Structure formats: structure tokens, C-alpha cells
Amino acid sequence: MSGSISPWPVVKTGSNGHPIKTLQYLLRARGHSVVVDGVFGPKTEAAVKAFQSGHVLTVDGIVGPLTWAALVVQVKKGSQGDAVRGVQEEFQFRNLSGDPSKGPQIDGVFGPVTDAAVRGFQQALSLDIPTVKVDGIVGPVTWQALVSGMLSF
């Protein structure tokens, strides 16, 4: 039986840990100035509400499936910026070595190391979910798998 992508997480004021830093990087990629600290506080909530207001979403400050889907930015090899940092943050979250120098660094540059990590992640997902493409492009499906915590321990 084929698996499916885990649902988008629902995060709101008071949430912390995974995937709040990724959310904050995505808000920054969308032009909102928030500090990436992993804590969903009043400034992150204000940025979420401003984003929701500008994208015809319910303005409640809660990041659920519709807000995540509108927030994610497709990135691939050659991309740069805060959305790439969000992808790299996801791989640091999955880094079990305890050594932050392993895997993609959070530098905002989608280079060969980030590309290899994305393709490896997509390959692992595709074993259970055949519809996942191994193309190195972080689009809606790969983003959802990343922020929902798939393949993390």
C-alpha cells in the first residue's frame, strides 16, 4: 500500500521548536521582517496575520494547511534567500550527527550539497509515495513533507 504525505502542521502563538524557524524563514522570504528564533511570539503572529490579510486567507494568526500552501516558495538549485534557508533549516533539523557542519549549511544558497540533500529526501519519500518526483525542486509536495516532519526521528 502506498503512503501519503503527512498533513501540514498547525502552529500558532506559543508554538516553538520544529517547524517555527522554517515558518519564520518563509515569512522573511515573503517580505515580512521577523527574527528567526524558533518561537512563535507576537511578532511572528503579526507577520502571519499580515501575510494572511494580503492573500485572501482567514486572518487568525494560525498557520494551517491553507496558509502553509500560500506561504511556501518553490526553490531549486541556483535559488538564493530565506526560502532556501528554510529548506536548509529542515535538513539541520533532521541532522542526527550532532555536528552542525554536516549536511547543508544554513547559508541561503541552493548549491550542490542542498541539491543532494533534497534529492536524497525525495528519493526516500518516493519509496513509500511513488507520486513524489526526485527532481531536486522543493515545491508544494516536498515542502509539505519537510515541514510536517516526515523522515525525521
Protein backbone atom coordinates (compact mmCIF):
# COMPACT_ATOMS: atom_id res chain seq x y z
CA MET A 1 0.00 0.00 0.00
CA SER A 2 1.30 3.45 -0.86
CA GLY A 3 1.81 6.00 1.86
CA SER A 4 0.82 9.62 1.74
CA ILE A 5 2.37 12.93 2.64
CA SER A 6 1.76 13.85 6.28
CA PRO A 7 -0.64 16.75 6.80
CA TRP A 8 0.64 20.29 7.19
CA PRO A 9 1.25 21.05 10.87
CA VAL A 10 -0.93 23.65 12.59
CA VAL A 11 1.14 26.21 14.50
CA LYS A 12 0.18 29.36 16.37
CA THR A 13 1.23 31.72 19.14
CA GLY A 14 3.02 29.75 21.83
CA SER A 15 4.33 27.10 19.44
CA ASN A 16 8.07 26.55 19.40
CA GLY A 17 10.55 24.07 18.01
CA HIS A 18 10.02 22.49 14.61
CA PRO A 19 8.88 23.94 12.16
CA ILE A 20 8.77 27.50 13.56
CA LYS A 21 12.19 28.54 12.23
CA THR A 22 11.17 27.33 8.77
CA LEU A 23 7.92 29.33 9.07
CA GLN A 24 9.93 32.41 10.04
CA TYR A 25 12.29 31.97 7.08
CA LEU A 26 9.29 31.66 4.75
CA LEU A 27 7.71 34.80 6.22
CA ARG A 28 11.01 36.62 5.60
CA ALA A 29 11.08 35.26 2.03
CA ARG A 30 7.62 36.83 1.61
CA GLY A 31 8.86 40.25 2.77
CA HIS A 32 7.97 40.18 6.47
CA SER A 33 10.71 41.17 8.89
CA VAL A 34 10.70 38.62 11.68
CA VAL A 35 13.56 37.28 13.75
CA VAL A 36 14.28 33.60 13.13
CA ASP A 37 14.35 32.36 16.71
CA GLY A 38 12.09 29.30 16.63
CA VAL A 39 9.49 30.92 18.90
CA PHE A 40 6.01 31.80 17.61
CA GLY A 41 5.60 35.05 19.52
CA PRO A 42 3.64 38.26 18.92
CA LYS A 43 5.86 39.48 16.05
CA THR A 44 5.59 36.19 14.19
CA GLU A 45 1.83 36.22 14.77
CA ALA A 46 1.60 39.79 13.41
CA ALA A 47 3.60 38.77 10.32
CA VAL A 48 1.34 35.72 9.79
CA LYS A 49 -1.78 37.92 10.05
CA ALA A 50 -0.31 40.46 7.61
CA PHE A 51 0.51 37.63 5.18
CA GLN A 52 -2.98 36.12 5.54
CA SER A 53 -4.59 39.51 5.00
CA GLY A 54 -2.68 40.00 1.75
CA HIS A 55 -3.54 36.54 0.42
CA VAL A 56 -7.31 36.32 0.93
CA LEU A 57 -6.95 33.89 3.82
CA THR A 58 -8.75 33.85 7.16
CA VAL A 59 -6.80 36.35 9.29
CA ASP A 60 -6.46 34.39 12.53
CA GLY A 61 -2.68 34.18 13.03
CA ILE A 62 -2.88 30.38 12.90
CA VAL A 63 -0.73 28.67 10.28
CA GLY A 64 -2.70 25.71 8.94
CA PRO A 65 -2.83 23.97 5.56
CA LEU A 66 -4.12 26.94 3.52
CA THR A 67 -1.62 29.40 4.98
CA TRP A 68 1.31 26.99 4.56
CA ALA A 69 0.30 26.28 0.94
CA ALA A 70 0.20 30.01 0.16
CA LEU A 71 3.43 30.70 2.07
CA VAL A 72 5.82 28.17 0.53
CA VAL A 73 8.15 29.34 -2.22
CA GLN A 74 9.42 26.92 -4.86
CA VAL A 75 13.22 26.71 -4.76
CA LYS A 76 15.79 24.67 -6.66
CA LYS A 77 19.49 24.58 -7.47
CA GLY A 78 20.63 28.15 -8.09
CA SER A 79 17.96 29.71 -5.84
CA GLN A 80 19.05 32.00 -3.01
CA GLY A 81 17.49 33.67 0.01
CA ASP A 82 15.34 32.99 3.02
CA ALA A 83 13.16 30.28 1.40
CA VAL A 84 16.36 28.31 0.74
CA ARG A 85 17.36 28.89 4.38
CA GLY A 86 14.00 27.32 5.32
CA VAL A 87 14.85 24.19 3.32
CA GLN A 88 18.33 24.08 4.85
CA GLU A 89 16.83 24.51 8.34
CA GLU A 90 14.73 21.39 7.67
CA PHE A 91 17.86 19.36 6.92
CA GLN A 92 19.61 20.69 10.02
CA PHE A 93 16.50 19.62 11.99
CA ARG A 94 16.97 16.10 10.58
CA ASN A 95 20.75 16.13 11.23
CA LEU A 96 21.21 13.49 13.90
CA SER A 97 25.01 13.66 13.93
CA GLY A 98 25.06 16.46 16.50
CA ASP A 99 27.56 18.19 14.20
CA PRO A 100 26.03 21.28 12.54
CA SER A 101 28.80 21.22 9.91
CA LYS A 102 27.25 18.04 8.44
CA GLY A 103 24.71 18.38 5.65
CA PRO A 104 23.54 21.65 4.12
CA GLN A 105 24.61 24.78 5.94
CA ILE A 106 22.00 27.49 6.51
CA ASP A 107 23.54 29.99 4.10
CA GLY A 108 20.62 30.69 1.76
CA VAL A 109 22.43 29.30 -1.29
CA PHE A 110 20.86 26.27 -3.01
CA GLY A 111 24.07 24.65 -4.16
CA PRO A 112 25.21 21.06 -4.72
CA VAL A 113 25.02 19.99 -1.04
CA THR A 114 21.45 21.26 -0.63
CA ASP A 115 20.52 19.77 -4.00
CA ALA A 116 21.89 16.35 -2.95
CA ALA A 117 20.01 16.54 0.38
CA VAL A 118 16.73 17.43 -1.36
CA ARG A 119 17.14 14.65 -3.93
CA GLY A 120 18.01 12.13 -1.20
CA PHE A 121 14.93 13.19 0.78
CA GLN A 122 12.72 12.93 -2.30
CA GLN A 123 14.20 9.51 -3.15
CA ALA A 124 13.44 8.24 0.37
CA LEU A 125 9.89 9.62 0.18
CA SER A 126 9.32 8.09 -3.25
CA LEU A 127 9.88 4.60 -1.84
CA ASP A 128 6.58 4.92 0.07
CA ILE A 129 4.89 7.54 -2.10
CA PRO A 130 5.51 6.77 -5.79
CA THR A 131 3.98 10.08 -6.92
CA VAL A 132 6.90 12.02 -5.35
CA LYS A 133 9.27 13.18 -8.08
CA VAL A 134 13.02 13.09 -7.48
CA ASP A 135 13.81 16.34 -9.29
CA GLY A 136 15.64 18.47 -6.72
CA ILE A 137 12.83 21.05 -6.82
CA VAL A 138 11.29 21.96 -3.48
CA GLY A 139 7.69 22.58 -4.50
CA PRO A 140 4.45 22.19 -2.53
CA VAL A 141 4.70 18.40 -2.02
CA THR A 142 8.33 18.42 -0.85
CA TRP A 143 7.69 21.46 1.37
CA GLN A 144 4.71 19.70 2.99
CA ALA A 145 6.77 16.57 3.63
CA LEU A 146 9.58 18.68 5.13
CA VAL A 147 7.51 20.89 7.45
CA SER A 148 5.26 18.04 8.55
CA GLY A 149 8.36 16.31 9.90
CA MET A 150 8.45 13.32 7.57
CA LEU A 151 11.62 11.22 7.73
CA SER A 152 12.72 12.84 10.98
CA PHE A 153 13.38 10.87 14.13
